[in-house]
């Protein structure tokens, strides 16, 4: 059984692009389709479905989203939402979301923090456009940078939920995970303009 990985996505841009993102999130949540199908068909036009149309083919999902399955988790508002995926952060979806947003706001920036349910990995990603003449810009060639940490260990793993200090230990660990994600996100901000990779190059390197 695959580990679940949760990604929190924040789109930073103008009012028009935030409304676009919110409308897509609402479309997923309002759909009567299977949650995986609803997610894929909202953000992609060429989804490969099973013969009965009730599921997304795993090979298509891996090739286009970056994980075996991905679903909407928590809609928030104003360009913020969270998703869950199997095993991996769906970086190809992050790139797809950028491609949808960029024509509406050329200055859009997408920030992501994520964590596996085992906390290996915990990570962050930033996607942004290339600074160049708009006439020379290929909207599919935004930049991405990802930072990960696989060293965090959950101190509650060997504890029982009714242990006297369980709640305090869990709260402190959750805070440390959040702080580490923010450090990784800040590192992404620092590095992306220097070493950020085009989406296609990122995928070719298998990162």
N, C-alpha and C. Protein backbone atom coordinates (compact mmCIF):
# COMPACT_ATOMS: atom_id res chain seq x y z
N UNK A 1 0.84 -1.19 0.00
CA UNK A 1 0.00 0.00 0.00
C UNK A 1 0.88 1.24 0.00
N UNK A 2 0.55 2.19 -0.87
CA UNK A 2 1.36 3.39 -1.01
C UNK A 2 1.22 4.31 0.19
N UNK A 3 2.34 4.96 0.54
CA UNK A 3 2.26 6.01 1.53
C UNK A 3 1.54 7.22 0.94
N UNK A 4 0.78 7.91 1.76
CA UNK A 4 0.14 9.14 1.33
C UNK A 4 1.06 10.31 1.59
N UNK A 5 1.16 11.19 0.61
CA UNK A 5 1.97 12.39 0.74
C UNK A 5 1.06 13.60 0.54
N UNK A 6 1.12 14.54 1.45
CA UNK A 6 0.26 15.71 1.39
C UNK A 6 1.06 16.93 0.97
N UNK A 7 0.53 17.67 0.00
CA UNK A 7 1.16 18.90 -0.49
C UNK A 7 0.24 20.08 -0.26
N UNK A 8 0.80 21.12 0.34
CA UNK A 8 0.07 22.37 0.52
C UNK A 8 0.54 23.36 -0.54
N UNK A 9 -0.38 23.87 -1.33
CA UNK A 9 -0.05 24.71 -2.49
C UNK A 9 -0.56 26.13 -2.26
N UNK A 10 0.32 27.09 -2.49
CA UNK A 10 -0.06 28.50 -2.41
C UNK A 10 0.30 29.18 -3.73
N UNK A 11 -0.69 29.70 -4.41
CA UNK A 11 -0.47 30.45 -5.65
C UNK A 11 -0.41 31.93 -5.29
N UNK A 12 0.68 32.58 -5.64
CA UNK A 12 0.85 34.01 -5.38
C UNK A 12 0.74 34.74 -6.71
N UNK A 13 -0.29 35.58 -6.83
CA UNK A 13 -0.48 36.28 -8.09
C UNK A 13 -1.59 37.31 -7.97
N UNK A 14 -2.05 37.80 -9.12
CA UNK A 14 -3.08 38.83 -9.11
C UNK A 14 -4.45 38.21 -8.82
N UNK A 15 -5.43 39.08 -8.65
CA UNK A 15 -6.77 38.63 -8.28
C UNK A 15 -7.36 37.69 -9.32
N UNK A 16 -7.06 37.96 -10.59
CA UNK A 16 -7.63 37.14 -11.66
C UNK A 16 -7.13 35.69 -11.58
N UNK A 17 -5.85 35.52 -11.34
CA UNK A 17 -5.32 34.15 -11.30
C UNK A 17 -5.77 33.43 -10.03
N UNK A 18 -5.92 34.16 -8.93
CA UNK A 18 -6.41 33.53 -7.71
C UNK A 18 -7.85 33.06 -7.88
N UNK A 19 -8.65 33.87 -8.57
CA UNK A 19 -10.04 33.45 -8.83
C UNK A 19 -10.08 32.24 -9.75
N UNK A 20 -9.18 32.18 -10.72
CA UNK A 20 -9.10 31.03 -11.62
C UNK A 20 -8.79 29.76 -10.83
N UNK A 21 -7.79 29.83 -9.97
CA UNK A 21 -7.40 28.66 -9.17
C UNK A 21 -8.55 28.23 -8.27
N UNK A 22 -9.19 29.19 -7.62
CA UNK A 22 -10.31 28.86 -6.73
C UNK A 22 -11.44 28.19 -7.49
N UNK A 23 -11.68 28.64 -8.73
CA UNK A 23 -12.76 28.05 -9.53
C UNK A 23 -12.43 26.61 -9.91
N UNK A 24 -11.17 26.32 -10.17
CA UNK A 24 -10.76 24.95 -10.48
C UNK A 24 -10.89 24.04 -9.26
N UNK A 25 -10.50 24.56 -8.11
CA UNK A 25 -10.64 23.79 -6.87
C UNK A 25 -12.12 23.50 -6.61
N UNK A 26 -12.96 24.51 -6.80
CA UNK A 26 -14.41 24.32 -6.61
C UNK A 26 -14.95 23.28 -7.59
N UNK A 27 -14.45 23.30 -8.82
CA UNK A 27 -14.92 22.34 -9.82
C UNK A 27 -14.61 20.92 -9.40
N UNK A 28 -13.40 20.70 -8.85
CA UNK A 28 -13.05 19.37 -8.37
C UNK A 28 -13.99 18.94 -7.26
N UNK A 29 -14.21 19.83 -6.31
CA UNK A 29 -15.01 19.48 -5.14
C UNK A 29 -16.49 19.31 -5.47
N UNK A 30 -16.97 19.99 -6.51
CA UNK A 30 -18.38 19.90 -6.89
C UNK A 30 -18.67 18.72 -7.81
N UNK A 31 -17.62 18.09 -8.32
CA UNK A 31 -17.80 16.99 -9.26
C UNK A 31 -18.40 15.76 -8.58
N UNK A 32 -19.21 15.04 -9.31
CA UNK A 32 -19.79 13.79 -8.80
C UNK A 32 -18.96 12.58 -9.22
N UNK A 33 -17.86 12.82 -9.94
CA UNK A 33 -16.99 11.73 -10.36
C UNK A 33 -16.15 11.24 -9.18
N UNK A 34 -15.52 10.09 -9.37
CA UNK A 34 -14.52 9.60 -8.43
C UNK A 34 -13.51 10.72 -8.17
N UNK A 35 -13.01 10.81 -6.92
CA UNK A 35 -12.15 11.93 -6.54
C UNK A 35 -10.88 12.02 -7.38
N UNK A 36 -10.31 10.87 -7.75
CA UNK A 36 -9.10 10.88 -8.58
C UNK A 36 -9.44 11.35 -9.99
N UNK A 37 -10.55 10.88 -10.53
CA UNK A 37 -11.00 11.29 -11.86
C UNK A 37 -11.33 12.77 -11.87
N UNK A 38 -12.03 13.24 -10.86
CA UNK A 38 -12.42 14.65 -10.79
C UNK A 38 -11.19 15.54 -10.79
N UNK A 39 -10.18 15.17 -10.04
CA UNK A 39 -8.96 15.98 -9.99
C UNK A 39 -8.28 16.02 -11.35
N UNK A 40 -8.07 14.87 -11.95
CA UNK A 40 -7.34 14.80 -13.21
C UNK A 40 -8.07 15.53 -14.33
N UNK A 41 -9.37 15.29 -14.47
CA UNK A 41 -10.12 15.88 -15.60
C UNK A 41 -10.36 17.37 -15.43
N UNK A 42 -10.21 17.88 -14.23
CA UNK A 42 -10.33 19.32 -14.03
C UNK A 42 -9.09 20.06 -14.52
N UNK A 43 -7.93 19.49 -14.27
CA UNK A 43 -6.68 20.19 -14.60
C UNK A 43 -6.05 19.75 -15.91
N UNK A 44 -6.56 18.66 -16.51
CA UNK A 44 -5.98 18.15 -17.76
C UNK A 44 -7.09 17.87 -18.77
N UNK A 45 -6.74 17.98 -20.05
CA UNK A 45 -7.72 17.77 -21.13
C UNK A 45 -7.60 16.39 -21.76
N UNK A 46 -6.52 15.68 -21.51
CA UNK A 46 -6.24 14.44 -22.25
C UNK A 46 -6.13 13.24 -21.32
N UNK A 47 -6.95 13.19 -20.30
CA UNK A 47 -6.85 12.15 -19.29
C UNK A 47 -7.21 10.79 -19.88
N UNK A 48 -6.39 9.79 -19.62
CA UNK A 48 -6.66 8.43 -20.08
C UNK A 48 -7.41 7.69 -18.97
N UNK A 49 -8.69 7.39 -19.24
CA UNK A 49 -9.55 6.74 -18.26
C UNK A 49 -9.72 5.26 -18.59
N UNK A 50 -10.16 4.52 -17.59
CA UNK A 50 -10.51 3.11 -17.81
C UNK A 50 -11.73 3.04 -18.73
N UNK A 51 -12.05 1.85 -19.23
CA UNK A 51 -13.15 1.70 -20.17
C UNK A 51 -14.48 2.18 -19.59
N UNK A 52 -14.67 2.01 -18.29
CA UNK A 52 -15.92 2.45 -17.69
C UNK A 52 -15.88 3.92 -17.26
N UNK A 53 -14.73 4.57 -17.44
CA UNK A 53 -14.61 5.98 -17.13
C UNK A 53 -14.57 6.31 -15.64
N UNK A 54 -14.40 5.29 -14.83
CA UNK A 54 -14.47 5.50 -13.38
C UNK A 54 -13.11 5.62 -12.70
N UNK A 55 -12.05 5.45 -13.45
CA UNK A 55 -10.72 5.55 -12.84
C UNK A 55 -9.73 6.08 -13.87
N UNK A 56 -8.66 6.67 -13.36
CA UNK A 56 -7.59 7.19 -14.19
C UNK A 56 -6.52 6.11 -14.32
N UNK A 57 -6.04 5.89 -15.53
CA UNK A 57 -5.00 4.88 -15.75
C UNK A 57 -3.72 5.29 -15.02
N UNK A 58 -3.13 4.34 -14.30
CA UNK A 58 -1.95 4.65 -13.50
C UNK A 58 -0.78 5.16 -14.34
N UNK A 59 -0.58 4.57 -15.51
CA UNK A 59 0.53 4.99 -16.35
C UNK A 59 0.36 6.45 -16.78
N UNK A 60 -0.87 6.82 -17.14
CA UNK A 60 -1.12 8.21 -17.52
C UNK A 60 -0.87 9.14 -16.34
N UNK A 61 -1.35 8.75 -15.18
CA UNK A 61 -1.18 9.59 -13.99
C UNK A 61 0.29 9.78 -13.65
N UNK A 62 1.07 8.70 -13.68
CA UNK A 62 2.50 8.82 -13.40
C UNK A 62 3.19 9.73 -14.41
N UNK A 63 2.82 9.59 -15.68
CA UNK A 63 3.48 10.34 -16.74
C UNK A 63 3.09 11.82 -16.74
N UNK A 64 1.88 12.13 -16.29
CA UNK A 64 1.37 13.50 -16.44
C UNK A 64 1.20 14.26 -15.12
N UNK A 65 1.00 13.54 -14.03
CA UNK A 65 0.83 14.19 -12.74
C UNK A 65 2.06 13.98 -11.86
N UNK A 66 2.68 12.82 -11.99
CA UNK A 66 3.88 12.55 -11.23
C UNK A 66 3.66 11.65 -10.04
N UNK A 67 2.48 11.07 -9.93
CA UNK A 67 2.16 10.12 -8.86
C UNK A 67 1.10 9.16 -9.37
N UNK A 68 1.00 8.01 -8.73
CA UNK A 68 0.04 6.99 -9.16
C UNK A 68 -1.39 7.49 -9.08
N UNK A 69 -1.69 8.29 -8.07
CA UNK A 69 -3.00 8.93 -7.95
C UNK A 69 -2.84 10.22 -7.16
N UNK A 70 -3.74 11.15 -7.41
CA UNK A 70 -3.73 12.43 -6.71
C UNK A 70 -5.17 12.88 -6.52
N UNK A 71 -5.47 13.39 -5.33
CA UNK A 71 -6.82 13.87 -5.04
C UNK A 71 -6.75 15.21 -4.34
N UNK A 72 -7.86 15.96 -4.43
CA UNK A 72 -7.98 17.18 -3.67
C UNK A 72 -8.15 16.81 -2.20
N UNK A 73 -7.52 17.58 -1.33
CA UNK A 73 -7.63 17.30 0.10
C UNK A 73 -8.43 18.40 0.79
N UNK A 74 -7.84 19.56 0.97
CA UNK A 74 -8.51 20.66 1.67
C UNK A 74 -8.52 21.92 0.80
N UNK A 75 -9.68 22.37 0.35
CA UNK A 75 -9.76 23.67 -0.30
C UNK A 75 -9.66 24.75 0.76
N UNK A 76 -8.93 25.79 0.49
CA UNK A 76 -8.82 26.87 1.48
C UNK A 76 -9.45 28.12 0.87
N UNK A 77 -8.76 28.87 0.09
CA UNK A 77 -9.31 30.04 -0.59
C UNK A 77 -8.15 30.89 -1.07
N UNK A 78 -8.46 31.80 -1.98
CA UNK A 78 -7.48 32.77 -2.48
C UNK A 78 -6.20 32.08 -2.96
N UNK A 79 -6.39 31.04 -3.77
CA UNK A 79 -5.25 30.38 -4.39
C UNK A 79 -4.51 29.41 -3.52
N UNK A 80 -5.11 28.98 -2.42
CA UNK A 80 -4.46 28.03 -1.53
C UNK A 80 -5.31 26.77 -1.40
N UNK A 81 -4.67 25.62 -1.47
CA UNK A 81 -5.36 24.34 -1.30
C UNK A 81 -4.34 23.26 -1.03
N UNK A 82 -4.80 22.09 -0.59
CA UNK A 82 -3.88 20.98 -0.38
C UNK A 82 -4.39 19.76 -1.12
N UNK A 83 -3.45 18.88 -1.48
CA UNK A 83 -3.77 17.66 -2.21
C UNK A 83 -3.04 16.50 -1.57
N UNK A 84 -3.49 15.28 -1.88
CA UNK A 84 -2.80 14.08 -1.45
C UNK A 84 -2.44 13.25 -2.67
N UNK A 85 -1.30 12.60 -2.59
CA UNK A 85 -0.84 11.76 -3.70
C UNK A 85 -0.16 10.53 -3.14
N UNK A 86 0.11 9.57 -4.02
CA UNK A 86 0.74 8.32 -3.62
C UNK A 86 2.25 8.40 -3.79
N UNK A 87 2.96 8.19 -2.71
CA UNK A 87 4.41 8.07 -2.68
C UNK A 87 5.18 9.36 -2.93
N UNK A 88 4.86 10.08 -3.99
CA UNK A 88 5.72 11.17 -4.43
C UNK A 88 4.99 12.51 -4.47
N UNK A 89 5.73 13.61 -4.31
CA UNK A 89 5.12 14.92 -4.57
C UNK A 89 4.86 15.01 -6.07
N UNK A 90 3.66 15.36 -6.50
CA UNK A 90 3.33 15.36 -7.93
C UNK A 90 3.87 16.61 -8.63
N UNK A 91 5.18 16.63 -8.84
CA UNK A 91 5.82 17.82 -9.40
C UNK A 91 5.33 18.13 -10.82
N UNK A 92 4.92 17.11 -11.56
CA UNK A 92 4.39 17.38 -12.90
C UNK A 92 3.06 18.12 -12.82
N UNK A 93 2.29 17.84 -11.77
CA UNK A 93 1.07 18.63 -11.57
C UNK A 93 1.41 20.06 -11.20
N UNK A 94 2.41 20.27 -10.36
CA UNK A 94 2.80 21.63 -10.01
C UNK A 94 3.14 22.41 -11.29
N UNK A 95 3.87 21.75 -12.20
CA UNK A 95 4.22 22.40 -13.47
C UNK A 95 2.97 22.67 -14.31
N UNK A 96 2.05 21.73 -14.33
CA UNK A 96 0.80 21.91 -15.07
C UNK A 96 0.01 23.09 -14.51
N UNK A 97 -0.06 23.19 -13.19
CA UNK A 97 -0.77 24.31 -12.58
C UNK A 97 -0.13 25.63 -12.96
N UNK A 98 1.19 25.66 -12.99
CA UNK A 98 1.88 26.88 -13.41
C UNK A 98 1.52 27.23 -14.85
N UNK A 99 1.50 26.24 -15.73
CA UNK A 99 1.16 26.48 -17.13
C UNK A 99 -0.25 27.04 -17.29
N UNK A 100 -1.17 26.62 -16.42
CA UNK A 100 -2.53 27.14 -16.46
C UNK A 100 -2.56 28.59 -15.98
N UNK A 101 -1.76 28.88 -14.95
CA UNK A 101 -1.80 30.20 -14.32
C UNK A 101 -1.02 31.26 -15.08
N UNK A 102 0.07 30.87 -15.72
CA UNK A 102 0.97 31.86 -16.32
C UNK A 102 0.31 32.78 -17.34
N UNK A 103 -0.53 32.27 -18.26
CA UNK A 103 -1.14 33.18 -19.23
C UNK A 103 -2.02 34.26 -18.59
N UNK A 104 -2.50 33.99 -17.39
CA UNK A 104 -3.36 34.95 -16.69
C UNK A 104 -2.52 35.95 -15.91
N UNK A 105 -1.38 35.52 -15.41
CA UNK A 105 -0.49 36.39 -14.63
C UNK A 105 0.94 35.95 -14.88
N UNK A 106 1.67 36.75 -15.69
CA UNK A 106 3.05 36.38 -16.03
C UNK A 106 4.00 36.44 -14.84
N UNK A 107 3.57 37.04 -13.75
CA UNK A 107 4.41 37.13 -12.55
C UNK A 107 4.02 36.12 -11.48
N UNK A 108 3.16 35.18 -11.82
CA UNK A 108 2.68 34.22 -10.83
C UNK A 108 3.84 33.39 -10.28
N UNK A 109 3.75 33.10 -8.99
CA UNK A 109 4.70 32.22 -8.32
C UNK A 109 3.90 31.17 -7.56
N UNK A 110 4.31 29.92 -7.67
CA UNK A 110 3.64 28.84 -6.94
C UNK A 110 4.61 28.29 -5.91
N UNK A 111 4.16 28.27 -4.65
CA UNK A 111 4.97 27.75 -3.55
C UNK A 111 4.30 26.51 -2.99
N UNK A 112 5.09 25.50 -2.73
CA UNK A 112 4.56 24.21 -2.25
C UNK A 112 5.38 23.75 -1.06
N UNK A 113 4.70 23.27 -0.02
CA UNK A 113 5.37 22.49 1.02
C UNK A 113 4.68 21.14 1.08
N UNK A 114 5.44 20.09 1.40
CA UNK A 114 4.83 18.76 1.40
C UNK A 114 5.47 17.88 2.46
N UNK A 115 4.74 16.82 2.82
CA UNK A 115 5.26 15.86 3.78
C UNK A 115 4.63 14.49 3.55
N UNK A 116 5.46 13.48 3.58
CA UNK A 116 4.99 12.10 3.55
C UNK A 116 4.43 11.76 4.93
N UNK A 117 3.53 10.81 4.99
CA UNK A 117 2.95 10.44 6.27
C UNK A 117 3.99 9.86 7.23
N UNK A 118 5.14 9.41 6.69
CA UNK A 118 6.24 8.94 7.54
C UNK A 118 7.28 10.04 7.76
N UNK A 119 7.05 11.21 7.17
CA UNK A 119 7.96 12.37 7.26
C UNK A 119 9.28 12.12 6.54
N UNK A 120 9.28 11.20 5.59
CA UNK A 120 10.43 10.98 4.74
C UNK A 120 9.94 10.76 3.31
N UNK A 121 9.85 11.86 2.52
CA UNK A 121 10.49 13.14 2.80
C UNK A 121 9.55 14.20 3.38
N UNK A 122 10.16 15.29 3.81
CA UNK A 122 9.51 16.58 4.02
C UNK A 122 10.19 17.53 3.04
N UNK A 123 9.41 18.35 2.35
CA UNK A 123 10.05 19.16 1.33
C UNK A 123 9.30 20.43 0.97
N UNK A 124 9.87 21.13 0.00
CA UNK A 124 9.29 22.38 -0.49
C UNK A 124 9.69 22.57 -1.96
N UNK A 125 8.88 23.34 -2.67
CA UNK A 125 9.15 23.62 -4.08
C UNK A 125 8.66 25.02 -4.42
N UNK A 126 9.32 25.64 -5.38
CA UNK A 126 8.88 26.92 -5.93
C UNK A 126 8.91 26.83 -7.44
N UNK A 127 7.88 27.40 -8.07
CA UNK A 127 7.82 27.50 -9.53
C UNK A 127 7.56 28.95 -9.90
N UNK A 128 8.27 29.43 -10.90
CA UNK A 128 8.10 30.81 -11.35
C UNK A 128 8.53 30.92 -12.81
N UNK A 129 8.16 32.05 -13.41
CA UNK A 129 8.49 32.26 -14.81
C UNK A 129 9.91 32.74 -15.01
N UNK A 130 10.36 32.65 -16.24
CA UNK A 130 11.69 33.12 -16.62
C UNK A 130 11.61 34.60 -16.96
N UNK A 131 12.56 35.37 -16.47
CA UNK A 131 12.57 36.80 -16.76
C UNK A 131 13.15 37.03 -18.16
N UNK A 132 12.26 37.32 -19.10
CA UNK A 132 12.68 37.57 -20.47
C UNK A 132 11.55 38.29 -21.20
N UNK A 133 11.80 38.65 -22.44
CA UNK A 133 10.78 39.29 -23.25
C UNK A 133 9.60 38.34 -23.41
N UNK A 134 8.37 38.78 -23.08
CA UNK A 134 7.20 37.89 -23.19
C UNK A 134 7.05 37.24 -24.56
N UNK A 135 7.49 37.92 -25.62
CA UNK A 135 7.37 37.36 -26.96
C UNK A 135 8.28 36.15 -27.15
N UNK A 136 9.31 36.05 -26.31
CA UNK A 136 10.25 34.94 -26.43
C UNK A 136 9.98 33.85 -25.42
N UNK A 137 8.92 34.00 -24.63
CA UNK A 137 8.68 33.08 -23.52
C UNK A 137 7.82 31.90 -23.97
N UNK A 138 8.29 30.71 -23.67
CA UNK A 138 7.52 29.50 -23.90
C UNK A 138 6.78 29.21 -22.60
N UNK A 139 5.45 29.30 -22.62
CA UNK A 139 4.69 29.20 -21.38
C UNK A 139 4.87 27.84 -20.69
N UNK A 140 5.42 26.86 -21.39
CA UNK A 140 5.65 25.55 -20.78
C UNK A 140 7.05 25.45 -20.17
N UNK A 141 7.79 26.54 -20.17
CA UNK A 141 9.16 26.49 -19.69
C UNK A 141 9.37 27.38 -18.48
N UNK A 142 8.51 27.26 -17.49
CA UNK A 142 8.75 27.90 -16.21
C UNK A 142 9.90 27.21 -15.50
N UNK A 143 10.35 27.83 -14.40
CA UNK A 143 11.45 27.28 -13.63
C UNK A 143 10.91 26.62 -12.36
N UNK A 144 11.62 25.58 -11.90
CA UNK A 144 11.25 24.88 -10.68
C UNK A 144 12.50 24.57 -9.87
N UNK A 145 12.35 24.63 -8.55
CA UNK A 145 13.41 24.16 -7.68
C UNK A 145 12.76 23.46 -6.48
N UNK A 146 13.34 22.33 -6.07
CA UNK A 146 12.79 21.53 -4.98
C UNK A 146 13.89 21.24 -3.97
N UNK A 147 13.54 21.32 -2.69
CA UNK A 147 14.45 20.95 -1.61
C UNK A 147 13.74 19.93 -0.72
N UNK A 148 14.48 18.91 -0.26
CA UNK A 148 13.89 17.86 0.57
C UNK A 148 14.76 17.55 1.77
N UNK A 149 14.12 17.04 2.81
CA UNK A 149 14.80 16.53 3.99
C UNK A 149 14.21 15.16 4.30
N UNK A 150 15.08 14.14 4.39
CA UNK A 150 14.63 12.78 4.70
C UNK A 150 15.15 12.30 6.06
N UNK A 151 15.55 13.23 6.90
CA UNK A 151 16.17 12.84 8.18
C UNK A 151 15.23 12.94 9.37
N UNK A 152 14.05 13.53 9.20
CA UNK A 152 13.16 13.71 10.34
C UNK A 152 12.55 12.38 10.79
N UNK A 153 12.50 12.19 12.08
CA UNK A 153 11.92 10.97 12.65
C UNK A 153 10.84 11.36 13.65
N UNK A 154 9.69 10.73 13.52
CA UNK A 154 8.55 11.02 14.38
C UNK A 154 8.79 10.45 15.78
N UNK A 155 8.94 11.31 16.81
CA UNK A 155 9.22 10.81 18.16
C UNK A 155 8.02 10.13 18.81
N UNK A 156 6.85 10.24 18.18
CA UNK A 156 5.67 9.57 18.76
C UNK A 156 5.52 8.14 18.25
N UNK A 157 6.39 7.73 17.35
CA UNK A 157 6.25 6.41 16.73
C UNK A 157 6.24 5.29 17.77
N UNK A 158 7.08 5.43 18.79
CA UNK A 158 7.18 4.39 19.81
C UNK A 158 6.36 4.69 21.05
N UNK A 159 5.49 5.69 20.95
CA UNK A 159 4.65 6.06 22.09
C UNK A 159 3.21 5.59 21.87
N UNK A 160 2.49 5.46 22.95
CA UNK A 160 1.05 5.20 22.89
C UNK A 160 0.32 6.53 23.00
N UNK A 161 -0.83 6.62 22.32
CA UNK A 161 -1.55 7.90 22.29
C UNK A 161 -1.98 8.37 23.68
N UNK A 162 -2.08 7.45 24.64
CA UNK A 162 -2.50 7.85 25.98
C UNK A 162 -1.32 8.07 26.93
N UNK A 163 -0.08 8.06 26.40
CA UNK A 163 1.06 8.40 27.23
C UNK A 163 0.93 9.85 27.71
N UNK A 164 1.42 10.11 28.89
CA UNK A 164 1.23 11.42 29.52
C UNK A 164 1.76 12.57 28.68
N UNK A 165 2.89 12.36 28.01
CA UNK A 165 3.50 13.46 27.25
C UNK A 165 3.24 13.37 25.75
N UNK A 166 2.34 12.47 25.33
CA UNK A 166 2.14 12.24 23.89
C UNK A 166 1.75 13.53 23.17
N UNK A 167 0.74 14.24 23.68
CA UNK A 167 0.24 15.43 23.00
C UNK A 167 1.32 16.50 22.88
N UNK A 168 2.09 16.69 23.93
CA UNK A 168 3.14 17.71 23.90
C UNK A 168 4.23 17.35 22.91
N UNK A 169 4.63 16.08 22.93
CA UNK A 169 5.68 15.63 22.00
C UNK A 169 5.20 15.77 20.56
N UNK A 170 3.96 15.38 20.31
CA UNK A 170 3.42 15.47 18.95
C UNK A 170 3.33 16.92 18.49
N UNK A 171 2.88 17.80 19.38
CA UNK A 171 2.76 19.21 19.02
C UNK A 171 4.13 19.81 18.71
N UNK A 172 5.12 19.49 19.52
CA UNK A 172 6.47 20.01 19.29
C UNK A 172 7.05 19.48 17.98
N UNK A 173 6.79 18.20 17.69
CA UNK A 173 7.30 17.63 16.44
C UNK A 173 6.62 18.26 15.24
N UNK A 174 5.29 18.44 15.29
CA UNK A 174 4.58 19.08 14.19
C UNK A 174 5.12 20.48 13.93
N UNK A 175 5.45 21.18 15.00
CA UNK A 175 6.02 22.52 14.85
C UNK A 175 7.39 22.45 14.19
N UNK A 176 8.17 21.44 14.56
CA UNK A 176 9.50 21.30 13.96
C UNK A 176 9.40 20.95 12.47
N UNK A 177 8.39 20.15 12.10
CA UNK A 177 8.18 19.83 10.68
C UNK A 177 7.84 21.10 9.91
N UNK A 178 6.91 21.89 10.45
CA UNK A 178 6.52 23.15 9.79
C UNK A 178 7.74 24.06 9.64
N UNK A 179 8.51 24.21 10.70
CA UNK A 179 9.67 25.10 10.64
C UNK A 179 10.68 24.61 9.60
N UNK A 180 10.86 23.29 9.52
CA UNK A 180 11.80 22.75 8.53
C UNK A 180 11.30 23.01 7.12
N UNK A 181 10.00 22.87 6.89
CA UNK A 181 9.43 23.15 5.58
C UNK A 181 9.67 24.61 5.20
N UNK A 182 9.51 25.51 6.15
CA UNK A 182 9.71 26.93 5.86
C UNK A 182 11.18 27.21 5.54
N UNK A 183 12.09 26.51 6.22
CA UNK A 183 13.51 26.66 5.91
C UNK A 183 13.80 26.17 4.49
N UNK A 184 13.21 25.04 4.12
CA UNK A 184 13.40 24.51 2.77
C UNK A 184 12.79 25.43 1.72
N UNK A 185 11.64 26.01 2.04
CA UNK A 185 11.00 26.94 1.11
C UNK A 185 11.86 28.18 0.92
N UNK A 186 12.43 28.67 2.00
CA UNK A 186 13.31 29.83 1.90
C UNK A 186 14.55 29.50 1.06
N UNK A 187 15.06 28.29 1.20
CA UNK A 187 16.19 27.87 0.38
C UNK A 187 15.80 27.82 -1.09
N UNK A 188 14.58 27.37 -1.39
CA UNK A 188 14.09 27.37 -2.77
C UNK A 188 14.03 28.79 -3.31
N UNK A 189 13.55 29.72 -2.51
CA UNK A 189 13.49 31.13 -2.93
C UNK A 189 14.88 31.66 -3.25
N UNK A 190 15.84 31.28 -2.42
CA UNK A 190 17.20 31.77 -2.60
C UNK A 190 17.86 31.19 -3.85
N UNK A 191 17.57 29.93 -4.13
CA UNK A 191 18.32 29.21 -5.16
C UNK A 191 17.69 29.30 -6.55
N UNK A 192 16.37 29.44 -6.65
CA UNK A 192 15.72 29.23 -7.94
C UNK A 192 16.24 30.15 -9.03
N UNK A 193 16.55 31.40 -8.71
CA UNK A 193 17.04 32.32 -9.74
C UNK A 193 18.46 31.99 -10.16
N UNK A 194 19.19 31.24 -9.33
CA UNK A 194 20.57 30.87 -9.65
C UNK A 194 20.67 29.51 -10.32
N UNK A 195 19.94 28.54 -9.80
CA UNK A 195 20.08 27.16 -10.25
C UNK A 195 18.77 26.50 -10.64
N UNK A 196 17.68 27.27 -10.70
CA UNK A 196 16.40 26.68 -11.06
C UNK A 196 16.46 25.98 -12.42
N UNK A 197 15.66 24.94 -12.56
CA UNK A 197 15.68 24.16 -13.79
C UNK A 197 14.37 24.32 -14.55
N UNK A 198 14.45 24.32 -15.88
CA UNK A 198 13.24 24.27 -16.69
C UNK A 198 12.52 22.96 -16.40
N UNK A 199 11.20 22.97 -16.53
CA UNK A 199 10.40 21.80 -16.21
C UNK A 199 10.90 20.55 -16.93
N UNK A 200 11.13 20.68 -18.24
CA UNK A 200 11.56 19.53 -19.03
C UNK A 200 12.90 18.99 -18.56
N UNK A 201 13.82 19.90 -18.23
CA UNK A 201 15.14 19.48 -17.75
C UNK A 201 15.01 18.78 -16.40
N UNK A 202 14.14 19.30 -15.57
CA UNK A 202 13.92 18.71 -14.25
C UNK A 202 13.45 17.26 -14.38
N UNK A 203 12.51 17.04 -15.30
CA UNK A 203 11.97 15.69 -15.50
C UNK A 203 13.03 14.78 -16.11
N UNK A 204 13.83 15.30 -17.04
CA UNK A 204 14.85 14.48 -17.69
C UNK A 204 15.90 14.00 -16.69
N UNK A 205 16.18 14.83 -15.68
CA UNK A 205 17.16 14.46 -14.68
C UNK A 205 16.59 13.50 -13.63
N UNK A 206 15.28 13.28 -13.72
CA UNK A 206 14.64 12.34 -12.80
C UNK A 206 14.66 12.78 -11.36
N UNK A 207 14.66 14.10 -11.14
CA UNK A 207 14.73 14.63 -9.77
C UNK A 207 13.36 14.60 -9.12
